[in-house]
Amino acid sequence: MALNTCSEGISFAREMEEGAAAFYEELAKLFPENAETFLGYATVNNKNVSNVQRTYFGVITDGIEGCFAFNIEPEEFSIDLALPAGVAKADALAKAIAAEETTAGFYALAGEQGKGLTADVARAFTLIARKKGERVEELKALAAAK
């Protein structure tokens, strides 16, 4: 089922961010040598939800919500954050990188599609997409450092 309204897009983003925050909290427990980094990522994930929701509630009207802001298939952005017991750090980081790339793709598409009708929300989505791209690079560096 496609995401069409701004509210649906934000709800999907919230689900992705909350799942990712829990994932990073789990990584912090599994790999204590990088706990500070992973817990920082979890904190940012939760802030992303707050920022987007605050922006949305600051500009939303019944007229905007009644219209279609997006045409996004959430199945294209599904991520698997389950970690098997005894997961190797390299495998966990590869999963984190893939999840961040997928999430960044969602935010970039939502930002592009929403800019005509929900410019402030679209701008928030685009900013998060850029920050997710930066996180991907940080995770790749962490994976390369072993």
C-alpha atoms as a PDB file:
ATOM      1  CA  MET A   1       0.000   0.000   0.000  1.00  0.00           C
ATOM      2  CA  ALA A   2       1.528   3.282  -1.112  1.00  0.00           C
ATOM      3  CA  LEU A   3       2.279   6.150   1.212  1.00  0.00           C
ATOM      4  CA  ASN A   4       0.429   9.174  -0.100  1.00  0.00           C
ATOM      5  CA  THR A   5      -0.219  11.708   2.615  1.00  0.00           C
ATOM      6  CA  CYS A   6       2.349  13.615   4.588  1.00  0.00           C
ATOM      7  CA  SER A   7       1.090  11.955   7.763  1.00  0.00           C
ATOM      8  CA  GLU A   8       1.667   8.496   6.283  1.00  0.00           C
ATOM      9  CA  GLY A   9       5.196   9.446   5.237  1.00  0.00           C
ATOM     10  CA  ILE A  10       6.022  10.762   8.676  1.00  0.00           C
ATOM     11  CA  SER A  11       4.568   7.698  10.373  1.00  0.00           C
ATOM     12  CA  PHE A  12       6.696   5.443   8.160  1.00  0.00           C
ATOM     13  CA  ALA A  13       9.796   7.547   8.904  1.00  0.00           C
ATOM     14  CA  ARG A  14       9.047   7.279  12.634  1.00  0.00           C
ATOM     15  CA  GLU A  15       8.821   3.483  12.403  1.00  0.00           C
ATOM     16  CA  MET A  16      12.134   3.314  10.537  1.00  0.00           C
ATOM     17  CA  GLU A  17      13.901   5.649  12.980  1.00  0.00           C
ATOM     18  CA  GLU A  18      12.569   3.933  16.099  1.00  0.00           C
ATOM     19  CA  GLY A  19      13.607   0.538  14.730  1.00  0.00           C
ATOM     20  CA  ALA A  20      17.058   1.851  13.856  1.00  0.00           C
ATOM     21  CA  ALA A  21      17.456   3.435  17.308  1.00  0.00           C
ATOM     22  CA  ALA A  22      16.706   0.085  18.954  1.00  0.00           C
ATOM     23  CA  PHE A  23      19.158  -1.581  16.540  1.00  0.00           C
ATOM     24  CA  TYR A  24      21.959   0.827  17.520  1.00  0.00           C
ATOM     25  CA  GLU A  25      21.197   0.378  21.203  1.00  0.00           C
ATOM     26  CA  GLU A  26      21.618  -3.367  20.665  1.00  0.00           C
ATOM     27  CA  LEU A  27      24.895  -2.806  18.795  1.00  0.00           C
ATOM     28  CA  ALA A  28      26.133  -0.710  21.730  1.00  0.00           C
ATOM     29  CA  LYS A  29      25.602  -3.678  24.028  1.00  0.00           C
ATOM     30  CA  LEU A  30      27.187  -6.162  21.612  1.00  0.00           C
ATOM     31  CA  PHE A  31      30.222  -4.019  20.791  1.00  0.00           C
ATOM     32  CA  PRO A  32      31.011  -1.912  23.887  1.00  0.00           C
ATOM     33  CA  GLU A  33      34.205  -0.561  22.337  1.00  0.00           C
ATOM     34  CA  ASN A  34      31.945   1.463  19.987  1.00  0.00           C
ATOM     35  CA  ALA A  35      29.033   1.953  22.397  1.00  0.00           C
ATOM     36  CA  GLU A  36      29.379   5.725  22.496  1.00  0.00           C
ATOM     37  CA  THR A  37      29.135   5.962  18.705  1.00  0.00           C
ATOM     38  CA  PHE A  38      26.156   3.616  18.471  1.00  0.00           C
ATOM     39  CA  LEU A  39      24.283   5.284  21.334  1.00  0.00           C
ATOM     40  CA  GLY A  40      24.920   8.629  19.655  1.00  0.00           C
ATOM     41  CA  TYR A  41      23.337   7.274  16.477  1.00  0.00           C
ATOM     42  CA  ALA A  42      20.295   6.085  18.471  1.00  0.00           C
ATOM     43  CA  THR A  43      19.923   9.538  19.991  1.00  0.00           C
ATOM     44  CA  VAL A  44      20.057  11.180  16.557  1.00  0.00           C
ATOM     45  CA  ASN A  45      17.478   8.710  15.204  1.00  0.00           C
ATOM     46  CA  ASN A  46      15.084   9.753  17.960  1.00  0.00           C
ATOM     47  CA  LYS A  47      15.809  13.445  17.299  1.00  0.00           C
ATOM     48  CA  ASN A  48      15.027  12.933  13.599  1.00  0.00           C
ATOM     49  CA  VAL A  49      11.534  11.793  14.540  1.00  0.00           C
ATOM     50  CA  SER A  50      11.025  14.821  16.793  1.00  0.00           C
ATOM     51  CA  ASN A  51      12.334  17.281  14.213  1.00  0.00           C
ATOM     52  CA  VAL A  52      10.150  16.000  11.406  1.00  0.00           C
ATOM     53  CA  GLN A  53       7.053  15.820  13.588  1.00  0.00           C
ATOM     54  CA  ARG A  54       7.644  19.323  14.961  1.00  0.00           C
ATOM     55  CA  THR A  55       8.047  20.674  11.431  1.00  0.00           C
ATOM     56  CA  TYR A  56       4.937  18.856  10.275  1.00  0.00           C
ATOM     57  CA  PHE A  57       2.741  20.058  13.132  1.00  0.00           C
ATOM     58  CA  GLY A  58       4.021  23.602  12.625  1.00  0.00           C
ATOM     59  CA  VAL A  59       2.808  23.823   9.021  1.00  0.00           C
ATOM     60  CA  ILE A  60       0.047  21.277   8.569  1.00  0.00           C
ATOM     61  CA  THR A  61      -3.492  22.240   7.681  1.00  0.00           C
ATOM     62  CA  ASP A  62      -6.498  20.152   6.818  1.00  0.00           C
ATOM     63  CA  GLY A  63      -6.176  21.343   3.231  1.00  0.00           C
ATOM     64  CA  ILE A  64      -2.645  20.024   2.869  1.00  0.00           C
ATOM     65  CA  GLU A  65      -3.338  16.745   4.642  1.00  0.00           C
ATOM     66  CA  GLY A  66      -6.300  16.097   2.398  1.00  0.00           C
ATOM     67  CA  CYS A  67      -3.998  16.129  -0.633  1.00  0.00           C
ATOM     68  CA  PHE A  68      -1.444  13.614  -1.759  1.00  0.00           C
ATOM     69  CA  ALA A  69       2.126  14.638  -1.020  1.00  0.00           C
ATOM     70  CA  PHE A  70       3.838  11.326  -1.825  1.00  0.00           C
ATOM     71  CA  ASN A  71       3.649   8.273  -3.993  1.00  0.00           C
ATOM     72  CA  ILE A  72       6.009   5.941  -2.154  1.00  0.00           C
ATOM     73  CA  GLU A  73       5.841   2.170  -1.824  1.00  0.00           C
ATOM     74  CA  PRO A  74       7.079   1.395   1.698  1.00  0.00           C
ATOM     75  CA  GLU A  75       8.016  -2.154   0.682  1.00  0.00           C
ATOM     76  CA  GLU A  76      10.843  -0.648  -1.369  1.00  0.00           C
ATOM     77  CA  PHE A  77      12.336   0.703   1.842  1.00  0.00           C
ATOM     78  CA  SER A  78      11.913  -2.221   4.201  1.00  0.00           C
ATOM     79  CA  ILE A  79      14.945  -2.972   6.322  1.00  0.00           C
ATOM     80  CA  ASP A  80      15.861  -6.034   8.341  1.00  0.00           C
ATOM     81  CA  LEU A  81      17.509  -5.058  11.588  1.00  0.00           C
ATOM     82  CA  ALA A  82      17.417  -8.460  13.276  1.00  0.00           C
ATOM     83  CA  LEU A  83      20.822  -9.590  14.461  1.00  0.00           C
ATOM     84  CA  PRO A  84      21.579 -13.294  14.848  1.00  0.00           C
ATOM     85  CA  ALA A  85      23.144 -14.476  18.080  1.00  0.00           C
ATOM     86  CA  GLY A  86      26.901 -14.128  18.009  1.00  0.00           C
ATOM     87  CA  VAL A  87      26.875 -11.779  15.027  1.00  0.00           C
ATOM     88  CA  ALA A  88      30.313 -10.657  13.911  1.00  0.00           C
ATOM     89  CA  LYS A  89      30.996  -6.934  14.083  1.00  0.00           C
ATOM     90  CA  ALA A  90      31.673  -6.775  10.334  1.00  0.00           C
ATOM     91  CA  ASP A  91      28.291  -8.359   9.585  1.00  0.00           C
ATOM     92  CA  ALA A  92      26.505  -6.033  12.010  1.00  0.00           C
ATOM     93  CA  LEU A  93      28.156  -3.003  10.437  1.00  0.00           C
ATOM     94  CA  ALA A  94      27.273  -4.213   6.935  1.00  0.00           C
ATOM     95  CA  LYS A  95      23.645  -4.484   8.046  1.00  0.00           C
ATOM     96  CA  ALA A  96      23.815  -0.984   9.561  1.00  0.00           C
ATOM     97  CA  ILE A  97      25.263   0.457   6.342  1.00  0.00           C
ATOM     98  CA  ALA A  98      22.570  -1.184   4.220  1.00  0.00           C
ATOM     99  CA  ALA A  99      19.846   0.066   6.576  1.00  0.00           C
ATOM    100  CA  GLU A 100      21.184   3.626   6.540  1.00  0.00           C
ATOM    101  CA  GLU A 101      21.440   3.626   2.746  1.00  0.00           C
ATOM    102  CA  THR A 102      17.838   2.417   2.476  1.00  0.00           C
ATOM    103  CA  THR A 103      16.608   4.963   5.007  1.00  0.00           C
ATOM    104  CA  ALA A 104      18.508   7.763   3.263  1.00  0.00           C
ATOM    105  CA  GLY A 105      16.877   6.702   0.000  1.00  0.00           C
ATOM    106  CA  PHE A 106      13.437   7.003   1.581  1.00  0.00           C
ATOM    107  CA  TYR A 107      14.169  10.454   2.993  1.00  0.00           C
ATOM    108  CA  ALA A 108      15.632  11.670  -0.310  1.00  0.00           C
ATOM    109  CA  LEU A 109      12.619  10.451  -2.301  1.00  0.00           C
ATOM    110  CA  ALA A 110      10.139  11.844   0.230  1.00  0.00           C
ATOM    111  CA  GLY A 111      11.992  15.156   0.225  1.00  0.00           C
ATOM    112  CA  GLU A 112      11.877  15.341  -3.553  1.00  0.00           C
ATOM    113  CA  GLN A 113       8.242  14.308  -3.860  1.00  0.00           C
ATOM    114  CA  GLY A 114       7.006  16.500  -1.030  1.00  0.00           C
ATOM    115  CA  LYS A 115       8.706  19.768  -1.900  1.00  0.00           C
ATOM    116  CA  GLY A 116       5.828  21.102  -3.987  1.00  0.00           C
ATOM    117  CA  LEU A 117       3.157  20.703  -1.339  1.00  0.00           C
ATOM    118  CA  THR A 118       4.922  20.355   2.015  1.00  0.00           C
ATOM    119  CA  ALA A 119       8.109  22.356   1.512  1.00  0.00           C
ATOM    120  CA  ASP A 120       9.094  22.579   5.184  1.00  0.00           C
ATOM    121  CA  VAL A 121       8.627  18.853   5.774  1.00  0.00           C
ATOM    122  CA  ALA A 122      10.390  18.066   2.499  1.00  0.00           C
ATOM    123  CA  ARG A 123      13.325  20.221   3.575  1.00  0.00           C
ATOM    124  CA  ALA A 124      13.522  18.321   6.893  1.00  0.00           C
ATOM    125  CA  PHE A 125      13.463  15.004   5.000  1.00  0.00           C
ATOM    126  CA  THR A 126      16.202  16.185   2.608  1.00  0.00           C
ATOM    127  CA  LEU A 127      18.396  17.305   5.502  1.00  0.00           C
ATOM    128  CA  ILE A 128      18.018  13.936   7.223  1.00  0.00           C
ATOM    129  CA  ALA A 129      18.847  12.154   3.944  1.00  0.00           C
ATOM    130  CA  ARG A 130      22.110  14.096   3.743  1.00  0.00           C
ATOM    131  CA  LYS A 131      22.967  13.298   7.374  1.00  0.00           C
ATOM    132  CA  LYS A 132      22.187   9.620   6.769  1.00  0.00           C
ATOM    133  CA  GLY A 133      24.679   9.705   3.879  1.00  0.00           C
ATOM    134  CA  GLU A 134      27.301  11.095   6.246  1.00  0.00           C
ATOM    135  CA  ARG A 135      26.509   8.319   8.724  1.00  0.00           C
ATOM    136  CA  VAL A 136      27.016   5.712   5.994  1.00  0.00           C
ATOM    137  CA  GLU A 137      30.516   7.072   5.466  1.00  0.00           C
ATOM    138  CA  GLU A 138      31.210   6.970   9.225  1.00  0.00           C
ATOM    139  CA  LEU A 139      30.022   3.357   9.397  1.00  0.00           C
ATOM    140  CA  LYS A 140      32.156   2.402   6.389  1.00  0.00           C
ATOM    141  CA  ALA A 141      35.185   3.949   8.101  1.00  0.00           C
ATOM    142  CA  LEU A 142      34.365   2.055  11.298  1.00  0.00           C
ATOM    143  CA  ALA A 143      34.070  -1.191   9.315  1.00  0.00           C
ATOM    144  CA  ALA A 144      37.396  -0.537   7.560  1.00  0.00           C
ATOM    145  CA  ALA A 145      39.161   0.169  10.873  1.00  0.00           C
ATOM    146  CA  LYS A 146      38.369  -3.296  12.255  1.00  0.00           C
END
